[in-house]
Amino acid sequence: MLATVVRRWAVVAVALPLAAAGIRKVSQVVEARRGPSGVTRSMRQFADLLGMGRRKRRRFF
């Protein structure tokens, strides 16, 4: 059971940032060809949601 939990954690820890990077790259390529659109903006927002570590932190001071 512990091995299953560790395996799932490892997949999530590796797969989600890779997926976010892939979506972000596809969004950049599409924007370079066709210009910015709602779809590419949504793709970037979804990539930011998946790769939470890339988000900028807000400062309250």
Protein backbone atom coordinates (compact mmCIF):
# COMPACT_ATOMS: atom_id res chain seq x y z
CA MET A 1 0.00 0.00 0.00
CA LEU A 2 2.79 2.43 0.85
CA ALA A 3 4.53 1.60 -2.43
CA THR A 4 1.35 2.49 -4.33
CA VAL A 5 1.09 5.85 -2.58
CA VAL A 6 4.75 6.62 -3.24
CA ARG A 7 4.39 5.61 -6.89
CA ARG A 8 1.35 7.85 -7.33
CA TRP A 9 3.11 10.76 -5.66
CA ALA A 10 6.14 10.31 -7.92
CA VAL A 11 3.98 10.25 -11.05
CA VAL A 12 2.14 13.39 -9.99
CA ALA A 13 5.35 15.14 -8.95
CA VAL A 14 6.92 14.50 -12.36
CA ALA A 15 3.97 14.36 -14.76
CA LEU A 16 2.15 17.54 -13.79
CA PRO A 17 5.09 19.94 -14.22
CA LEU A 18 5.99 18.26 -17.53
CA ALA A 19 2.41 18.57 -18.73
CA ALA A 20 2.33 22.23 -17.71
CA ALA A 21 5.57 22.90 -19.58
CA GLY A 22 4.25 21.11 -22.66
CA ILE A 23 0.98 23.04 -22.67
CA ARG A 24 2.85 26.31 -22.18
CA LYS A 25 5.18 25.51 -25.11
CA VAL A 26 2.28 24.59 -27.41
CA SER A 27 0.57 27.85 -26.44
CA GLN A 28 3.70 29.82 -27.34
CA VAL A 29 4.03 28.07 -30.72
CA VAL A 30 0.39 28.68 -31.60
CA GLU A 31 0.65 32.33 -30.56
CA ALA A 32 3.76 32.78 -32.67
CA ARG A 33 1.94 31.47 -35.73
CA ARG A 34 -1.56 32.86 -35.32
CA GLY A 35 -1.29 35.58 -32.71
CA PRO A 36 -2.81 35.72 -29.24
CA SER A 37 -6.32 34.38 -28.75
CA GLY A 38 -8.64 33.24 -26.02
CA VAL A 39 -7.60 29.64 -26.52
CA THR A 40 -3.90 30.33 -26.02
CA ARG A 41 -4.66 32.50 -22.99
CA SER A 42 -6.74 29.66 -21.53
CA MET A 43 -3.94 27.20 -22.24
CA ARG A 44 -1.47 29.41 -20.37
CA GLN A 45 -3.84 29.78 -17.43
CA PHE A 46 -4.37 26.00 -17.31
CA ALA A 47 -0.60 25.44 -17.43
CA ASP A 48 -0.19 27.89 -14.54
CA LEU A 49 -2.82 25.96 -12.62
CA LEU A 50 -1.02 22.65 -13.19
CA GLY A 51 2.45 23.95 -12.48
CA MET A 52 1.69 25.84 -9.31
CA GLY A 53 5.39 26.41 -8.55
CA ARG A 54 5.77 28.79 -11.49
CA ARG A 55 3.22 31.24 -10.11
CA LYS A 56 4.48 34.55 -8.85
CA ARG A 57 3.82 35.25 -5.21
CA ARG A 58 2.01 38.37 -4.20
CA ARG A 59 3.56 40.65 -1.67
CA PHE A 60 1.24 42.27 0.79
CA PHE A 61 3.72 44.88 2.02
